[in-house]
N, C-alpha and C. Protein backbone atom coordinates (compact mmCIF):
# COMPACT_ATOMS: atom_id res chain seq x y z
N MET A 1 20.36 -21.23 -44.92
CA MET A 1 19.31 -20.14 -45.06
C MET A 1 18.06 -21.40 -44.34
N THR A 2 18.73 -22.19 -44.77
CA THR A 2 17.43 -23.44 -44.30
C THR A 2 17.81 -24.02 -42.85
N ASN A 3 18.97 -24.05 -42.53
CA ASN A 3 19.12 -23.84 -40.79
C ASN A 3 18.62 -23.24 -40.50
N THR A 4 18.87 -21.79 -40.63
CA THR A 4 18.41 -20.89 -39.76
C THR A 4 16.41 -20.77 -39.52
N ARG A 5 15.88 -21.03 -40.41
CA ARG A 5 14.25 -21.47 -40.56
C ARG A 5 13.88 -22.42 -39.32
N THR A 6 15.05 -23.52 -39.88
CA THR A 6 14.75 -24.88 -38.75
C THR A 6 14.74 -23.95 -37.23
N ARG A 7 16.12 -23.18 -37.04
CA ARG A 7 16.31 -23.05 -36.19
C ARG A 7 15.30 -21.77 -34.97
N LEU A 8 14.52 -21.09 -36.01
CA LEU A 8 13.25 -20.29 -35.66
C LEU A 8 12.37 -21.26 -35.49
N LEU A 9 11.95 -21.90 -36.42
CA LEU A 9 10.74 -23.51 -36.35
C LEU A 9 10.95 -23.08 -34.83
N THR A 10 11.66 -24.28 -34.71
CA THR A 10 12.46 -24.84 -33.23
C THR A 10 12.43 -24.24 -31.99
N MET A 11 13.25 -22.90 -32.15
CA MET A 11 12.30 -22.24 -31.11
C MET A 11 10.85 -22.05 -30.83
N ALA A 12 10.22 -21.32 -32.04
CA ALA A 12 9.04 -21.02 -31.58
C ALA A 12 8.21 -22.09 -31.03
N ALA A 13 8.50 -22.98 -31.46
CA ALA A 13 7.82 -24.83 -30.93
C ALA A 13 8.13 -24.72 -29.72
N LEU A 14 9.21 -24.17 -29.47
CA LEU A 14 9.81 -24.70 -27.83
C LEU A 14 9.47 -23.41 -27.05
N LEU A 15 9.13 -22.22 -26.87
CA LEU A 15 8.60 -21.26 -26.51
C LEU A 15 7.13 -21.18 -26.91
N LEU A 16 6.57 -21.72 -27.43
CA LEU A 16 5.05 -21.94 -27.23
C LEU A 16 4.64 -23.11 -26.49
N GLY A 17 5.46 -24.05 -25.55
CA GLY A 17 5.39 -25.00 -25.43
C GLY A 17 5.22 -24.67 -23.50
N LEU A 18 6.49 -24.27 -23.64
CA LEU A 18 6.53 -22.94 -22.85
C LEU A 18 5.72 -22.12 -22.24
N SER A 19 4.81 -21.51 -22.90
CA SER A 19 4.57 -21.14 -22.52
C SER A 19 2.92 -21.30 -22.02
N ALA A 20 2.58 -22.99 -22.89
CA ALA A 20 1.43 -23.36 -22.47
C ALA A 20 1.62 -23.99 -20.88
N CYS A 21 3.22 -24.50 -20.95
CA CYS A 21 3.34 -25.15 -19.52
C CYS A 21 2.83 -24.25 -18.16
N ALA A 22 2.86 -22.76 -19.10
CA ALA A 22 2.79 -21.12 -17.45
C ALA A 22 1.54 -21.26 -16.87
N THR A 23 0.95 -21.09 -15.93
CA THR A 23 -0.73 -21.54 -15.69
C THR A 23 -0.25 -20.03 -14.88
N THR A 24 -1.46 -19.43 -14.17
CA THR A 24 -1.45 -18.39 -13.76
C THR A 24 -1.58 -19.18 -12.08
N PRO A 25 -0.94 -18.24 -11.23
CA PRO A 25 -1.40 -18.97 -9.87
C PRO A 25 -2.61 -18.88 -9.10
N SER A 26 -3.01 -19.87 -8.69
CA SER A 26 -4.50 -19.58 -8.03
C SER A 26 -4.16 -19.34 -6.81
N PRO A 27 -5.31 -18.55 -6.40
CA PRO A 27 -5.88 -17.19 -5.32
C PRO A 27 -4.97 -18.05 -4.26
N GLU A 28 -4.60 -17.74 -2.94
CA GLU A 28 -4.30 -18.10 -2.09
C GLU A 28 -5.61 -18.10 -0.94
N PRO A 29 -5.21 -18.29 0.53
CA PRO A 29 -6.45 -17.99 1.39
C PRO A 29 -6.64 -16.78 1.25
N LEU A 30 -7.75 -16.12 2.03
CA LEU A 30 -7.50 -14.76 2.27
C LEU A 30 -5.97 -14.27 3.90
N ALA A 31 -5.99 -15.09 4.48
CA ALA A 31 -4.63 -14.53 5.09
C ALA A 31 -3.66 -14.92 4.95
N GLU A 32 -3.12 -15.45 3.99
CA GLU A 32 -2.10 -15.22 2.78
C GLU A 32 -2.07 -14.11 1.85
N THR A 33 -3.15 -14.08 1.43
CA THR A 33 -3.68 -12.90 0.12
C THR A 33 -3.03 -11.57 1.03
N VAL A 34 -3.76 -11.03 2.30
CA VAL A 34 -3.81 -9.60 2.92
C VAL A 34 -2.39 -9.98 3.13
N ALA A 35 -1.67 -11.26 3.91
CA ALA A 35 0.00 -11.43 4.27
C ALA A 35 1.01 -10.43 2.99
N HIS A 36 0.52 -10.80 1.76
CA HIS A 36 1.21 -10.97 0.75
C HIS A 36 1.12 -8.80 0.29
N ASP A 37 0.30 -8.23 0.67
CA ASP A 37 -0.09 -7.13 0.57
C ASP A 37 0.45 -6.17 0.63
N ALA A 38 1.56 -5.33 1.04
CA ALA A 38 2.81 -4.92 1.57
C ALA A 38 2.07 -3.81 2.14
N GLN A 39 0.65 -2.83 1.71
CA GLN A 39 0.09 -2.03 1.90
C GLN A 39 -0.34 -2.39 3.34
N LEU A 40 -0.43 -3.42 3.49
CA LEU A 40 -1.91 -3.99 4.79
C LEU A 40 -1.12 -4.88 5.66
N SER A 41 0.20 -4.67 5.89
CA SER A 41 1.20 -4.83 6.95
C SER A 41 0.83 -4.30 7.86
N THR A 42 -0.41 -3.54 8.37
CA THR A 42 -0.33 -3.69 9.67
C THR A 42 -1.15 -3.99 10.49
N PHE A 43 -2.65 -4.38 9.32
CA PHE A 43 -3.77 -4.97 9.17
C PHE A 43 -3.31 -6.56 9.89
N ASN A 44 -2.44 -7.41 8.44
CA ASN A 44 -2.15 -8.69 8.23
C ASN A 44 -1.19 -8.48 10.38
N ARG A 45 -0.08 -7.66 10.95
CA ARG A 45 -0.04 -7.86 12.08
C ARG A 45 -0.51 -8.48 13.37
N LEU A 46 -1.47 -7.32 13.11
CA LEU A 46 -2.91 -7.04 13.91
C LEU A 46 -3.80 -8.51 14.04
N VAL A 47 -3.80 -9.19 12.46
CA VAL A 47 -4.74 -10.24 12.63
C VAL A 47 -4.24 -11.40 13.01
N ASP A 48 -2.74 -11.14 13.33
CA ASP A 48 -1.63 -12.48 13.54
C ASP A 48 -1.84 -12.77 15.18
N GLN A 49 -2.21 -10.98 15.35
CA GLN A 49 -2.00 -10.87 17.24
C GLN A 49 -2.95 -11.58 17.86
N ALA A 50 -4.22 -10.82 16.78
CA ALA A 50 -6.01 -11.40 17.19
C ALA A 50 -6.21 -12.76 17.59
N GLY A 51 -4.84 -14.05 16.33
CA GLY A 51 -5.08 -15.34 16.68
C GLY A 51 -6.12 -15.62 15.18
N LEU A 52 -6.64 -14.59 14.52
CA LEU A 52 -8.08 -14.81 13.53
C LEU A 52 -7.13 -15.44 12.23
N LYS A 53 -5.74 -15.96 12.39
CA LYS A 53 -4.94 -16.26 10.70
C LYS A 53 -6.38 -16.96 10.20
N ASP A 54 -6.47 -18.88 10.97
CA ASP A 54 -7.18 -19.95 11.10
C ASP A 54 -8.53 -19.39 10.53
N GLU A 55 -9.16 -18.59 11.19
CA GLU A 55 -10.25 -18.18 10.52
C GLU A 55 -10.56 -17.78 9.47
N LEU A 56 -9.48 -16.78 8.75
CA LEU A 56 -9.21 -16.09 7.30
C LEU A 56 -8.39 -17.36 6.42
N ARG A 57 -8.46 -18.23 7.14
CA ARG A 57 -8.18 -19.98 6.10
C ARG A 57 -9.07 -20.41 6.02
N ALA A 58 -10.40 -20.49 7.19
CA ALA A 58 -11.05 -20.90 6.44
C ALA A 58 -11.90 -21.56 4.91
N ALA A 59 -13.22 -22.06 5.07
CA ALA A 59 -13.46 -22.18 3.57
C ALA A 59 -14.02 -20.99 2.97
N GLY A 60 -14.69 -20.37 3.91
CA GLY A 60 -15.62 -19.09 3.45
C GLY A 60 -16.83 -19.82 2.84
N PRO A 61 -17.41 -18.39 2.25
CA PRO A 61 -16.86 -17.55 1.12
C PRO A 61 -17.05 -16.28 2.62
N LEU A 62 -15.64 -15.70 2.24
CA LEU A 62 -15.60 -14.66 3.03
C LEU A 62 -15.26 -13.06 1.90
N THR A 63 -15.69 -11.86 2.89
CA THR A 63 -15.70 -10.53 2.29
C THR A 63 -14.73 -9.63 3.18
N VAL A 64 -13.24 -9.98 3.20
CA VAL A 64 -12.37 -8.70 4.30
C VAL A 64 -11.76 -7.40 3.02
N PHE A 65 -12.47 -6.80 4.58
CA PHE A 65 -12.16 -4.94 4.41
C PHE A 65 -11.43 -4.74 4.83
N ALA A 66 -9.71 -4.54 4.12
CA ALA A 66 -9.10 -4.00 5.11
C ALA A 66 -8.20 -2.14 4.94
N PRO A 67 -8.25 -2.01 6.26
CA PRO A 67 -7.63 -0.89 6.00
C PRO A 67 -6.32 -1.09 5.64
N THR A 68 -6.13 0.10 4.89
CA THR A 68 -4.26 0.52 4.63
C THR A 68 -3.70 0.34 6.25
N ASP A 69 -2.21 0.85 5.46
CA ASP A 69 -1.16 1.21 6.57
C ASP A 69 -1.64 2.31 7.26
N GLU A 70 -1.97 2.99 6.11
CA GLU A 70 -2.20 4.78 5.83
C GLU A 70 -3.14 4.76 7.04
N ALA A 71 -4.59 4.50 6.73
CA ALA A 71 -5.86 3.93 7.53
C ALA A 71 -5.40 4.48 9.35
N PHE A 72 -4.64 3.31 9.13
CA PHE A 72 -3.97 2.85 10.95
C PHE A 72 -3.67 3.96 11.77
N LYS A 73 -2.43 4.85 10.48
CA LYS A 73 -2.35 6.03 11.38
C LYS A 73 -3.24 6.73 11.64
N ASN A 74 -4.24 6.74 11.41
CA ASN A 74 -5.46 7.44 11.63
C ASN A 74 -6.50 7.27 13.30
N VAL A 75 -6.09 6.55 13.27
CA VAL A 75 -6.34 5.99 14.82
C VAL A 75 -5.42 6.66 15.61
N PRO A 76 -6.20 7.44 16.74
CA PRO A 76 -5.50 7.43 18.08
C PRO A 76 -4.49 7.04 18.18
N THR A 77 -3.01 7.14 19.14
CA THR A 77 -2.23 5.87 19.63
C THR A 77 -3.04 5.24 20.53
N LYS A 78 -4.11 6.21 21.78
CA LYS A 78 -4.08 5.35 22.74
C LYS A 78 -4.59 4.16 22.08
N THR A 79 -6.05 4.66 21.03
CA THR A 79 -7.19 4.08 21.12
C THR A 79 -6.48 2.50 21.15
N LEU A 80 -5.43 2.53 19.41
CA LEU A 80 -4.35 1.58 18.91
C LEU A 80 -3.52 0.69 20.12
N GLU A 81 -3.50 1.09 20.87
CA GLU A 81 -2.70 0.47 22.14
C GLU A 81 -3.49 -0.26 22.88
N ALA A 82 -4.43 0.39 23.32
CA ALA A 82 -5.24 -0.27 23.82
C ALA A 82 -5.67 -1.70 23.61
N LEU A 83 -6.95 -1.68 22.64
CA LEU A 83 -6.71 -2.43 21.44
C LEU A 83 -5.61 -3.73 21.22
N GLN A 84 -4.49 -3.29 21.24
CA GLN A 84 -3.45 -4.39 21.07
C GLN A 84 -3.36 -4.72 22.69
N ALA A 85 -3.76 -4.31 23.81
CA ALA A 85 -3.20 -4.72 25.34
C ALA A 85 -4.68 -5.66 25.15
N ASP A 86 -5.94 -5.29 24.37
CA ASP A 86 -6.65 -6.44 24.98
C ASP A 86 -7.13 -7.44 22.92
N LYS A 87 -7.16 -8.62 23.55
CA LYS A 87 -6.94 -9.29 22.50
C LYS A 87 -8.74 -9.29 22.21
N GLU A 88 -9.58 -10.19 22.97
CA GLU A 88 -10.83 -9.38 22.60
C GLU A 88 -10.92 -8.94 21.95
N GLN A 89 -10.98 -7.89 22.69
CA GLN A 89 -11.91 -6.56 22.06
C GLN A 89 -10.75 -6.07 20.63
N LEU A 90 -9.66 -6.35 20.58
CA LEU A 90 -8.85 -6.44 19.10
C LEU A 90 -9.44 -7.28 18.05
N LYS A 91 -9.64 -8.89 18.22
CA LYS A 91 -9.94 -9.52 17.69
C LYS A 91 -11.78 -8.98 17.01
N SER A 92 -13.01 -8.72 18.09
CA SER A 92 -13.62 -7.82 17.78
C SER A 92 -14.13 -7.06 16.35
N VAL A 93 -12.82 -5.77 16.73
CA VAL A 93 -12.36 -4.54 15.68
C VAL A 93 -12.86 -4.93 14.13
N LEU A 94 -11.79 -6.21 14.82
CA LEU A 94 -11.14 -6.93 13.46
C LEU A 94 -12.60 -8.16 12.46
N ARG A 95 -13.10 -8.02 13.09
CA ARG A 95 -14.07 -9.23 12.76
C ARG A 95 -14.87 -7.90 12.37
N TYR A 96 -15.04 -7.73 13.05
CA TYR A 96 -16.01 -6.52 11.97
C TYR A 96 -15.57 -5.84 10.83
N HIS A 97 -14.27 -6.38 10.50
CA HIS A 97 -13.90 -5.89 9.01
C HIS A 97 -14.24 -7.05 7.60
N VAL A 98 -14.75 -8.13 8.54
CA VAL A 98 -15.40 -9.26 8.18
C VAL A 98 -16.43 -9.47 7.40
N VAL A 99 -17.45 -10.03 6.62
CA VAL A 99 -18.85 -10.30 6.38
C VAL A 99 -18.52 -12.12 5.95
N ASN A 100 -19.14 -12.49 6.46
CA ASN A 100 -19.45 -13.80 5.93
C ASN A 100 -20.51 -14.27 4.22
N ALA A 101 -19.73 -13.80 3.82
CA ALA A 101 -20.22 -14.05 2.08
C ALA A 101 -19.07 -12.89 1.31
N LYS A 102 -19.39 -13.78 -0.06
CA LYS A 102 -18.36 -13.03 -0.36
C LYS A 102 -18.87 -12.11 -1.66
N ILE A 103 -18.50 -11.02 -1.68
CA ILE A 103 -19.26 -9.54 -2.03
C ILE A 103 -18.51 -8.69 -3.27
N GLY A 104 -18.54 -9.27 -4.25
CA GLY A 104 -17.07 -8.44 -5.58
C GLY A 104 -18.51 -7.08 -5.20
N SER A 105 -17.18 -5.91 -5.65
CA SER A 105 -17.86 -4.37 -5.90
C SER A 105 -18.91 -5.18 -6.84
N ALA A 106 -19.10 -4.67 -7.92
CA ALA A 106 -20.31 -5.32 -8.80
C ALA A 106 -21.59 -5.29 -8.04
N GLU A 107 -21.08 -6.35 -7.02
CA GLU A 107 -22.53 -6.99 -6.70
C GLU A 107 -22.68 -6.06 -5.06
N VAL A 108 -22.01 -5.52 -4.57
CA VAL A 108 -22.83 -4.31 -3.57
C VAL A 108 -23.83 -3.31 -4.33
N LYS A 109 -24.77 -3.30 -3.29
CA LYS A 109 -25.81 -2.24 -3.42
C LYS A 109 -25.72 -1.95 -1.79
N ASN A 110 -26.47 -0.81 -1.99
CA ASN A 110 -27.05 -0.31 -0.74
C ASN A 110 -27.93 -1.20 0.17
N SER A 111 -27.12 -1.35 1.32
CA SER A 111 -27.08 -2.38 2.37
C SER A 111 -27.02 -2.55 3.87
N SER A 112 -27.25 -3.14 4.70
CA SER A 112 -26.83 -3.98 5.61
C SER A 112 -26.02 -5.32 5.35
N GLN A 113 -24.93 -5.48 6.34
CA GLN A 113 -24.43 -7.07 6.10
C GLN A 113 -24.25 -7.20 7.46
N GLN A 114 -24.43 -8.32 7.94
CA GLN A 114 -23.41 -8.58 9.50
C GLN A 114 -22.42 -9.46 9.12
N SER A 115 -21.52 -8.47 9.90
CA SER A 115 -20.41 -8.67 9.94
C SER A 115 -19.90 -9.79 11.10
N LEU A 116 -18.31 -10.34 11.02
CA LEU A 116 -18.73 -11.73 11.80
C LEU A 116 -18.48 -11.33 13.53
N ASN A 117 -18.33 -9.94 14.09
CA ASN A 117 -18.56 -10.08 15.14
C ASN A 117 -20.06 -9.71 15.23
N GLY A 118 -20.81 -9.83 14.51
CA GLY A 118 -22.31 -9.74 14.94
C GLY A 118 -23.13 -7.98 14.63
N ALA A 119 -22.31 -7.43 14.44
CA ALA A 119 -23.01 -5.59 14.29
C ALA A 119 -22.80 -5.70 12.83
N SER A 120 -24.22 -5.14 12.39
CA SER A 120 -23.91 -4.97 10.82
C SER A 120 -23.14 -3.69 10.87
N LEU A 121 -22.84 -3.87 8.88
CA LEU A 121 -21.86 -2.53 8.11
C LEU A 121 -22.88 -2.50 7.49
N THR A 122 -23.06 -1.20 6.75
CA THR A 122 -23.52 -0.32 5.59
C THR A 122 -22.75 -0.40 4.46
N LEU A 123 -22.94 -0.90 3.60
CA LEU A 123 -23.26 -0.74 2.33
C LEU A 123 -23.29 0.29 1.49
N ALA A 124 -22.10 1.00 0.35
CA ALA A 124 -23.22 2.01 -0.26
C ALA A 124 -22.34 1.63 -1.81
N LYS A 125 -23.05 1.86 -3.19
CA LYS A 125 -21.98 1.81 -3.86
C LYS A 125 -23.39 3.09 -4.88
N ALA A 126 -22.46 4.25 -5.67
CA ALA A 126 -22.58 5.90 -6.22
C ALA A 126 -21.66 5.33 -7.31
N GLY A 127 -22.51 4.39 -8.30
CA GLY A 127 -21.36 4.64 -9.89
C GLY A 127 -20.18 3.25 -9.09
N ASP A 128 -18.78 3.94 -9.59
CA ASP A 128 -17.83 2.64 -9.13
C ASP A 128 -17.51 3.13 -8.27
N PHE A 129 -18.07 3.85 -6.58
CA PHE A 129 -17.84 3.86 -6.00
C PHE A 129 -17.91 2.89 -4.58
N VAL A 130 -16.71 2.80 -4.06
CA VAL A 130 -18.00 1.45 -2.75
C VAL A 130 -17.35 2.04 -1.72
N ALA A 131 -18.36 1.82 -1.12
CA ALA A 131 -18.06 2.10 0.23
C ALA A 131 -18.76 1.80 1.62
N VAL A 132 -17.98 1.03 2.50
CA VAL A 132 -18.40 0.24 3.75
C VAL A 132 -18.32 0.92 4.75
N GLU A 133 -19.64 1.59 5.92
CA GLU A 133 -19.69 2.18 7.15
C GLU A 133 -19.06 3.88 5.99
N ASP A 134 -18.15 4.61 6.68
CA ASP A 134 -17.23 5.53 6.63
C ASP A 134 -16.31 5.59 5.69
N ALA A 135 -15.77 3.92 5.13
CA ALA A 135 -14.70 4.17 4.48
C ALA A 135 -15.44 3.61 2.84
N VAL A 136 -14.11 4.66 2.43
CA VAL A 136 -13.60 4.16 0.92
C VAL A 136 -13.09 3.10 0.31
N VAL A 137 -13.57 2.42 -0.78
CA VAL A 137 -12.91 0.90 -0.87
C VAL A 137 -11.98 1.44 -2.25
N GLN A 138 -10.49 1.75 -1.94
CA GLN A 138 -9.29 1.68 -2.43
C GLN A 138 -8.93 0.76 -3.69
N ARG A 139 -8.62 -0.39 -3.34
CA ARG A 139 -8.67 -1.00 -4.50
C ARG A 139 -9.83 -2.05 -4.22
N ALA A 140 -10.51 -2.53 -4.98
CA ALA A 140 -11.19 -3.84 -5.18
C ALA A 140 -11.79 -4.59 -5.93
N ASP A 141 -11.37 -5.62 -5.17
CA ASP A 141 -11.66 -7.25 -5.68
C ASP A 141 -10.39 -8.30 -5.94
N ILE A 142 -9.61 -8.13 -4.65
CA ILE A 142 -8.83 -8.61 -4.76
C ILE A 142 -9.26 -10.64 -4.82
N PRO A 143 -8.86 -11.05 -5.70
CA PRO A 143 -9.47 -12.78 -5.30
C PRO A 143 -8.16 -12.98 -4.25
N ALA A 144 -8.88 -14.28 -3.55
CA ALA A 144 -8.78 -15.65 -2.75
C ALA A 144 -9.29 -16.42 -2.68
N SER A 145 -9.06 -17.80 -2.55
CA SER A 145 -9.52 -18.77 -2.48
C SER A 145 -10.69 -19.08 -2.12
N ASN A 146 -10.68 -18.08 -0.55
CA ASN A 146 -12.22 -18.61 0.24
C ASN A 146 -12.63 -17.10 0.51
N GLY A 147 -12.70 -16.63 -0.56
CA GLY A 147 -13.16 -14.85 -0.69
C GLY A 147 -12.92 -13.64 -1.76
N VAL A 148 -12.82 -12.47 -1.13
CA VAL A 148 -12.75 -11.54 -1.94
C VAL A 148 -11.60 -10.70 -0.73
N VAL A 149 -11.07 -9.87 -1.15
CA VAL A 149 -10.73 -8.77 -0.72
C VAL A 149 -10.68 -7.45 -0.80
N HIS A 150 -11.57 -5.81 0.18
CA HIS A 150 -11.00 -4.57 -0.45
C HIS A 150 -10.91 -3.82 0.44
N VAL A 151 -9.42 -3.52 -0.41
CA VAL A 151 -8.46 -2.41 0.07
C VAL A 151 -9.39 -1.44 0.85
N ILE A 152 -9.33 -1.18 2.24
CA ILE A 152 -10.37 0.60 2.54
C ILE A 152 -9.68 1.94 3.29
N ASP A 153 -9.88 3.15 2.62
CA ASP A 153 -8.56 3.77 3.41
C ASP A 153 -9.16 4.80 5.08
N ARG A 154 -9.50 3.18 6.15
CA ARG A 154 -10.48 4.00 6.83
C ARG A 154 -10.55 2.63 7.95
N VAL A 155 -10.59 2.93 9.61
CA VAL A 155 -10.23 1.31 10.02
C VAL A 155 -11.66 1.90 10.77
N LEU A 156 -12.40 0.69 10.15
CA LEU A 156 -13.44 0.14 10.86
C LEU A 156 -13.73 0.11 12.59
N LEU A 157 -14.75 1.54 13.51
CA LEU A 157 -14.90 0.32 14.84
C LEU A 157 -15.80 0.47 15.40
N PRO A 158 -16.98 -0.68 15.05
CA PRO A 158 -17.94 -1.27 15.86
C PRO A 158 -18.36 -0.66 17.05
N PRO A 159 -20.41 -0.10 16.88
CA PRO A 159 -20.91 0.46 17.77
C PRO A 159 -20.30 0.23 19.01
N LYS A 160 -20.57 1.12 19.86
CA LYS A 160 -20.42 0.63 21.39
C LYS A 160 -21.79 -0.38 21.77
N LYS A 161 -21.44 -1.43 22.58
CA LYS A 161 -22.69 -2.19 22.57
C LYS A 161 -23.50 -2.05 24.40
């Protein structure tokens, strides 16, 4: 009985010690955070194609409104092909999804924010619902070491200049 009790106490102490060593991994930069999300594979591929990975690894803080793969399916094929053929235009569209500030969903106010491409983005909040332009945030506040990602249901196209 004493032997069993000693063994149980030893195992409990060992488990407690191991759990104390386990830590939550610190968030990665935005580029890697987006890359690890299966729902954002198209956005990630286009960010890579446009050469924006380093920009999404920069110090920040940044907020990325990342469209889902499903959102990209709703973009006309001709539009998507034209963007992929013109790296500067693709970069402009993707930079329209990024704001040079960390904005958590709780901090969103009905306002306008300047995107990295220079055009303004309209942010709105009603209760728990957050919108950017005509897109709705489906998943909010995905942490990154240099900002935050909000997953949206539409691809945002900047206004024509």
